[in-house]
Amino acid sequence: RPSHSRHTCPVTAVVHLDTIFRGAHLIGVTGSSFLLEEFTFHYTFDPFSYFYVNKYADHHTYETAF
């Protein structure tokens, strides 16, 4: 679960590119609602508050995350 400040805002930080170990395939958690047909991947981070990490995206991701 993401960390939140005292004002219930998500805690954010700048991640330097040279500290990234591996990319991840994120899947937005929609709950019980459906996405509109017009929804595109360009705006993925805006409507979702939580994400699943797809540990089966490739062998290296699985070995790193789990």
N, C-alpha and C. Protein backbone atom coordinates (compact mmCIF):
# COMPACT_ATOMS: atom_id res chain seq x y z
N ARG A 1 0.84 -1.18 0.00
CA ARG A 1 0.00 0.00 0.00
C ARG A 1 0.88 1.24 0.00
N PRO A 2 0.47 2.26 -0.73
CA PRO A 2 1.28 3.48 -0.77
C PRO A 2 1.23 4.23 0.55
N SER A 3 2.29 4.96 0.83
CA SER A 3 2.34 5.80 2.02
C SER A 3 1.54 7.06 1.79
N HIS A 4 0.94 7.59 2.86
CA HIS A 4 0.18 8.83 2.78
C HIS A 4 0.66 9.80 3.85
N SER A 5 0.58 11.08 3.54
CA SER A 5 0.96 12.11 4.51
C SER A 5 -0.16 12.29 5.53
N ARG A 6 0.05 13.20 6.46
CA ARG A 6 -0.97 13.47 7.48
C ARG A 6 -2.26 13.99 6.86
N HIS A 7 -2.17 14.59 5.68
CA HIS A 7 -3.33 15.17 5.01
C HIS A 7 -3.93 14.19 3.99
N THR A 8 -3.59 12.93 4.08
CA THR A 8 -4.06 11.83 3.22
C THR A 8 -3.67 11.99 1.75
N CYS A 9 -2.64 12.79 1.48
CA CYS A 9 -2.11 12.89 0.12
C CYS A 9 -1.04 11.82 -0.06
N PRO A 10 -0.96 11.19 -1.22
CA PRO A 10 0.10 10.20 -1.44
C PRO A 10 1.48 10.84 -1.32
N VAL A 11 2.38 10.14 -0.68
CA VAL A 11 3.76 10.62 -0.56
C VAL A 11 4.46 10.35 -1.88
N THR A 12 5.06 11.36 -2.45
CA THR A 12 5.75 11.21 -3.74
C THR A 12 7.21 11.57 -3.59
N ALA A 13 8.01 11.09 -4.52
CA ALA A 13 9.44 11.37 -4.51
C ALA A 13 9.98 11.26 -5.93
N VAL A 14 11.11 11.90 -6.16
CA VAL A 14 11.80 11.81 -7.44
C VAL A 14 12.70 10.59 -7.40
N VAL A 15 12.60 9.74 -8.42
CA VAL A 15 13.45 8.55 -8.52
C VAL A 15 14.45 8.81 -9.63
N HIS A 16 15.72 8.79 -9.29
CA HIS A 16 16.76 9.03 -10.28
C HIS A 16 16.89 7.82 -11.21
N LEU A 17 17.08 8.07 -12.49
CA LEU A 17 17.11 6.99 -13.47
C LEU A 17 18.21 5.97 -13.22
N ASP A 18 19.33 6.41 -12.66
CA ASP A 18 20.42 5.46 -12.44
C ASP A 18 20.18 4.54 -11.24
N THR A 19 19.06 4.73 -10.52
CA THR A 19 18.73 3.85 -9.39
C THR A 19 17.67 2.82 -9.73
N ILE A 20 17.13 2.87 -10.94
CA ILE A 20 16.10 1.90 -11.34
C ILE A 20 16.76 0.58 -11.70
N PHE A 21 16.32 -0.49 -11.07
CA PHE A 21 16.91 -1.80 -11.30
C PHE A 21 16.24 -2.53 -12.46
N ARG A 22 14.91 -2.48 -12.51
CA ARG A 22 14.17 -3.19 -13.55
C ARG A 22 12.80 -2.56 -13.71
N GLY A 23 12.31 -2.54 -14.93
CA GLY A 23 10.97 -2.04 -15.19
C GLY A 23 9.93 -3.04 -14.69
N ALA A 24 8.71 -2.59 -14.53
CA ALA A 24 7.64 -3.47 -14.06
C ALA A 24 6.39 -3.26 -14.88
N HIS A 25 5.60 -4.31 -15.03
CA HIS A 25 4.32 -4.24 -15.71
C HIS A 25 3.26 -4.00 -14.63
N LEU A 26 2.68 -2.81 -14.62
CA LEU A 26 1.68 -2.45 -13.61
C LEU A 26 0.28 -2.61 -14.17
N ILE A 27 -0.63 -3.11 -13.35
CA ILE A 27 -2.03 -3.28 -13.73
C ILE A 27 -2.86 -2.46 -12.74
N GLY A 28 -3.61 -1.50 -13.25
CA GLY A 28 -4.43 -0.64 -12.39
C GLY A 28 -5.55 -1.41 -11.72
N VAL A 29 -5.79 -1.11 -10.46
CA VAL A 29 -6.87 -1.74 -9.70
C VAL A 29 -8.13 -0.92 -9.92
N THR A 30 -9.14 -1.52 -10.56
CA THR A 30 -10.37 -0.80 -10.88
C THR A 30 -11.47 -1.02 -9.86
N GLY A 31 -11.33 -2.01 -9.01
CA GLY A 31 -12.40 -2.31 -8.06
C GLY A 31 -13.57 -2.93 -8.78
N SER A 32 -14.77 -2.47 -8.47
CA SER A 32 -15.96 -3.05 -9.10
C SER A 32 -16.43 -2.24 -10.31
N SER A 33 -15.71 -1.19 -10.66
CA SER A 33 -16.13 -0.35 -11.79
C SER A 33 -15.45 -0.81 -13.09
N PHE A 34 -16.01 -0.39 -14.20
CA PHE A 34 -15.47 -0.72 -15.52
C PHE A 34 -14.79 0.50 -16.11
N LEU A 35 -13.87 0.28 -17.03
CA LEU A 35 -13.22 1.38 -17.75
C LEU A 35 -14.04 1.72 -18.99
N LEU A 36 -14.03 2.98 -19.36
CA LEU A 36 -14.72 3.41 -20.57
C LEU A 36 -13.99 2.88 -21.80
N GLU A 37 -14.69 2.69 -22.89
CA GLU A 37 -14.07 2.22 -24.13
C GLU A 37 -13.03 3.21 -24.64
N GLU A 38 -13.21 4.48 -24.35
CA GLU A 38 -12.29 5.52 -24.82
C GLU A 38 -11.00 5.57 -24.01
N PHE A 39 -10.92 4.80 -22.94
CA PHE A 39 -9.74 4.82 -22.07
C PHE A 39 -8.52 4.31 -22.84
N THR A 40 -7.41 5.04 -22.74
CA THR A 40 -6.16 4.62 -23.37
C THR A 40 -5.06 4.56 -22.33
N PHE A 41 -3.99 3.90 -22.66
CA PHE A 41 -2.88 3.76 -21.73
C PHE A 41 -2.15 5.07 -21.45
N HIS A 42 -2.40 6.10 -22.24
CA HIS A 42 -1.71 7.38 -22.05
C HIS A 42 -2.01 8.01 -20.69
N TYR A 43 -3.15 7.69 -20.12
CA TYR A 43 -3.59 8.33 -18.88
C TYR A 43 -3.69 7.33 -17.72
N THR A 44 -2.91 6.29 -17.75
CA THR A 44 -3.03 5.22 -16.77
C THR A 44 -2.81 5.68 -15.34
N PHE A 45 -1.87 6.57 -15.10
CA PHE A 45 -1.56 6.97 -13.73
C PHE A 45 -2.58 7.93 -13.14
N ASP A 46 -3.41 8.56 -13.94
CA ASP A 46 -4.38 9.52 -13.43
C ASP A 46 -5.57 8.88 -12.71
N PRO A 47 -6.27 7.90 -13.29
CA PRO A 47 -7.48 7.39 -12.63
C PRO A 47 -7.24 6.34 -11.55
N PHE A 48 -6.06 5.73 -11.52
CA PHE A 48 -5.82 4.64 -10.57
C PHE A 48 -5.03 5.12 -9.36
N SER A 49 -5.43 4.65 -8.19
CA SER A 49 -4.70 4.95 -6.96
C SER A 49 -3.80 3.79 -6.55
N TYR A 50 -4.16 2.58 -6.98
CA TYR A 50 -3.42 1.38 -6.62
C TYR A 50 -3.12 0.56 -7.86
N PHE A 51 -2.01 -0.19 -7.80
CA PHE A 51 -1.60 -1.01 -8.93
C PHE A 51 -1.16 -2.38 -8.44
N TYR A 52 -1.42 -3.39 -9.26
CA TYR A 52 -0.84 -4.71 -9.07
C TYR A 52 0.44 -4.76 -9.90
N VAL A 53 1.44 -5.49 -9.41
CA VAL A 53 2.65 -5.75 -10.19
C VAL A 53 2.48 -7.11 -10.83
N ASN A 54 2.58 -7.18 -12.16
CA ASN A 54 2.45 -8.44 -12.86
C ASN A 54 3.76 -9.21 -12.74
N LYS A 55 3.81 -10.12 -11.78
CA LYS A 55 5.05 -10.86 -11.55
C LYS A 55 5.31 -11.91 -12.62
N TYR A 56 4.33 -12.15 -13.49
CA TYR A 56 4.49 -13.13 -14.56
C TYR A 56 4.83 -12.49 -15.90
N ALA A 57 5.15 -11.19 -15.92
CA ALA A 57 5.45 -10.50 -17.17
C ALA A 57 6.65 -11.13 -17.88
N ASP A 58 7.66 -11.49 -17.13
CA ASP A 58 8.79 -12.24 -17.67
C ASP A 58 9.54 -12.92 -16.53
N HIS A 59 10.43 -13.80 -16.87
CA HIS A 59 11.15 -14.59 -15.88
C HIS A 59 11.96 -13.71 -14.95
N HIS A 60 12.62 -12.68 -15.47
CA HIS A 60 13.49 -11.83 -14.66
C HIS A 60 12.70 -11.01 -13.65
N THR A 61 11.53 -10.54 -14.04
CA THR A 61 10.69 -9.79 -13.10
C THR A 61 10.26 -10.69 -11.95
N TYR A 62 9.86 -11.92 -12.27
CA TYR A 62 9.43 -12.86 -11.24
C TYR A 62 10.57 -13.14 -10.27
N GLU A 63 11.76 -13.38 -10.78
CA GLU A 63 12.91 -13.68 -9.93
C GLU A 63 13.30 -12.49 -9.07
N THR A 64 13.16 -11.28 -9.59
CA THR A 64 13.53 -10.08 -8.84
C THR A 64 12.51 -9.76 -7.75
N ALA A 65 11.22 -9.80 -8.10
CA ALA A 65 10.18 -9.37 -7.17
C ALA A 65 9.84 -10.43 -6.13
N PHE A 66 9.98 -11.70 -6.48
CA PHE A 66 9.52 -12.74 -5.58
C PHE A 66 10.58 -13.77 -5.41
